[in-house]
PDB file of N, CA and C in Angstrom:
ATOM      1  N   UNK A   1      16.539  14.701   5.180  1.00  0.00           N
ATOM      2  CA  UNK A   1      15.040  14.974   4.908  1.00  0.00           C
ATOM      3  C   UNK A   1      14.346  13.527   5.163  1.00  0.00           C
ATOM      4  N   UNK A   2      13.383  13.519   6.100  1.00  0.00           N
ATOM      5  CA  UNK A   2      12.644  12.275   6.135  1.00  0.00           C
ATOM      6  C   UNK A   2      11.647  12.022   4.983  1.00  0.00           C
ATOM      7  N   UNK A   3      11.285  13.058   4.317  1.00  0.00           N
ATOM      8  CA  UNK A   3      10.279  12.843   3.134  1.00  0.00           C
ATOM      9  C   UNK A   3      11.124  12.105   2.102  1.00  0.00           C
ATOM     10  N   UNK A   4      12.364  12.742   1.823  1.00  0.00           N
ATOM     11  CA  UNK A   4      13.025  12.102   0.624  1.00  0.00           C
ATOM     12  C   UNK A   4      13.402  10.557   1.032  1.00  0.00           C
ATOM     13  N   UNK A   5      13.777  10.427   2.373  1.00  0.00           N
ATOM     14  CA  UNK A   5      14.034   8.984   2.736  1.00  0.00           C
ATOM     15  C   UNK A   5      12.812   8.088   2.435  1.00  0.00           C
ATOM     16  N   UNK A   6      11.688   8.501   2.869  1.00  0.00           N
ATOM     17  CA  UNK A   6      10.489   7.820   2.641  1.00  0.00           C
ATOM     18  C   UNK A   6      10.131   7.566   1.178  1.00  0.00           C
ATOM     19  N   UNK A   7      10.439   8.459   0.344  1.00  0.00           N
ATOM     20  CA  UNK A   7      10.250   8.238  -1.014  1.00  0.00           C
ATOM     21  C   UNK A   7      11.275   7.159  -1.671  1.00  0.00           C
ATOM     22  N   UNK A   8      12.435   7.312  -1.001  1.00  0.00           N
ATOM     23  CA  UNK A   8      13.397   6.296  -1.585  1.00  0.00           C
ATOM     24  C   UNK A   8      13.047   4.965  -1.173  1.00  0.00           C
ATOM     25  N   UNK A   9      12.548   4.767   0.072  1.00  0.00           N
ATOM     26  CA  UNK A   9      12.092   3.553   0.586  1.00  0.00           C
ATOM     27  C   UNK A   9      10.893   2.963  -0.059  1.00  0.00           C
ATOM     28  N   UNK A  10      10.030   3.861  -0.402  1.00  0.00           N
ATOM     29  CA  UNK A  10       8.894   3.472  -1.191  1.00  0.00           C
ATOM     30  C   UNK A  10       9.256   2.966  -2.695  1.00  0.00           C
ATOM     31  N   UNK A  11      10.096   3.815  -3.208  1.00  0.00           N
ATOM     32  CA  UNK A  11      10.487   3.368  -4.517  1.00  0.00           C
ATOM     33  C   UNK A  11      11.227   2.000  -4.620  1.00  0.00           C
ATOM     34  N   UNK A  12      12.004   1.677  -3.438  1.00  0.00           N
ATOM     35  CA  UNK A  12      12.723   0.471  -3.220  1.00  0.00           C
ATOM     36  C   UNK A  12      11.751  -0.669  -3.119  1.00  0.00           C
ATOM     37  N   UNK A  13      10.794  -0.516  -2.257  1.00  0.00           N
ATOM     38  CA  UNK A  13       9.711  -1.504  -2.104  1.00  0.00           C
ATOM     39  C   UNK A  13       8.919  -1.822  -3.415  1.00  0.00           C
ATOM     40  N   UNK A  14       8.560  -0.702  -4.141  1.00  0.00           N
ATOM     41  CA  UNK A  14       7.832  -0.888  -5.362  1.00  0.00           C
ATOM     42  C   UNK A  14       8.727  -1.661  -6.359  1.00  0.00           C
ATOM     43  N   UNK A  15      10.170  -1.281  -6.411  1.00  0.00           N
ATOM     44  CA  UNK A  15      10.878  -1.976  -7.327  1.00  0.00           C
ATOM     45  C   UNK A  15      11.116  -3.536  -7.043  1.00  0.00           C
ATOM     46  N   UNK A  16      11.214  -3.862  -5.690  1.00  0.00           N
ATOM     47  CA  UNK A  16      11.133  -5.154  -5.216  1.00  0.00           C
ATOM     48  C   UNK A  16       9.861  -5.938  -5.651  1.00  0.00           C
ATOM     49  N   UNK A  17       8.741  -5.343  -5.488  1.00  0.00           N
ATOM     50  CA  UNK A  17       7.524  -5.975  -5.868  1.00  0.00           C
ATOM     51  C   UNK A  17       7.487  -6.227  -7.343  1.00  0.00           C
ATOM     52  N   UNK A  18       7.930  -5.259  -8.060  1.00  0.00           N
ATOM     53  CA  UNK A  18       7.771  -5.320  -9.556  1.00  0.00           C
ATOM     54  C   UNK A  18       8.826  -6.472 -10.009  1.00  0.00           C
ATOM     55  N   UNK A  19       9.935  -6.698  -9.211  1.00  0.00           N
ATOM     56  CA  UNK A  19      10.781  -7.794  -9.657  1.00  0.00           C
ATOM     57  C   UNK A  19      10.165  -9.115  -9.369  1.00  0.00           C
ATOM     58  N   UNK A  20       9.440  -9.095  -8.328  1.00  0.00           N
ATOM     59  CA  UNK A  20       8.756 -10.571  -7.791  1.00  0.00           C
ATOM     60  C   UNK A  20       7.839 -10.859  -8.935  1.00  0.00           C
ATOM     61  N   UNK A  21       7.279  -9.845  -9.575  1.00  0.00           N
ATOM     62  CA  UNK A  21       6.168 -10.292 -10.389  1.00  0.00           C
ATOM     63  C   UNK A  21       6.623 -11.221 -11.586  1.00  0.00           C
TER      64      UNK A  21
END
């Protein structure tokens, strides 16, 4: 599922950004 993959990628990016704060 491309949608699920996109959501996972988005969550990973948000998590990385949150950790950088």
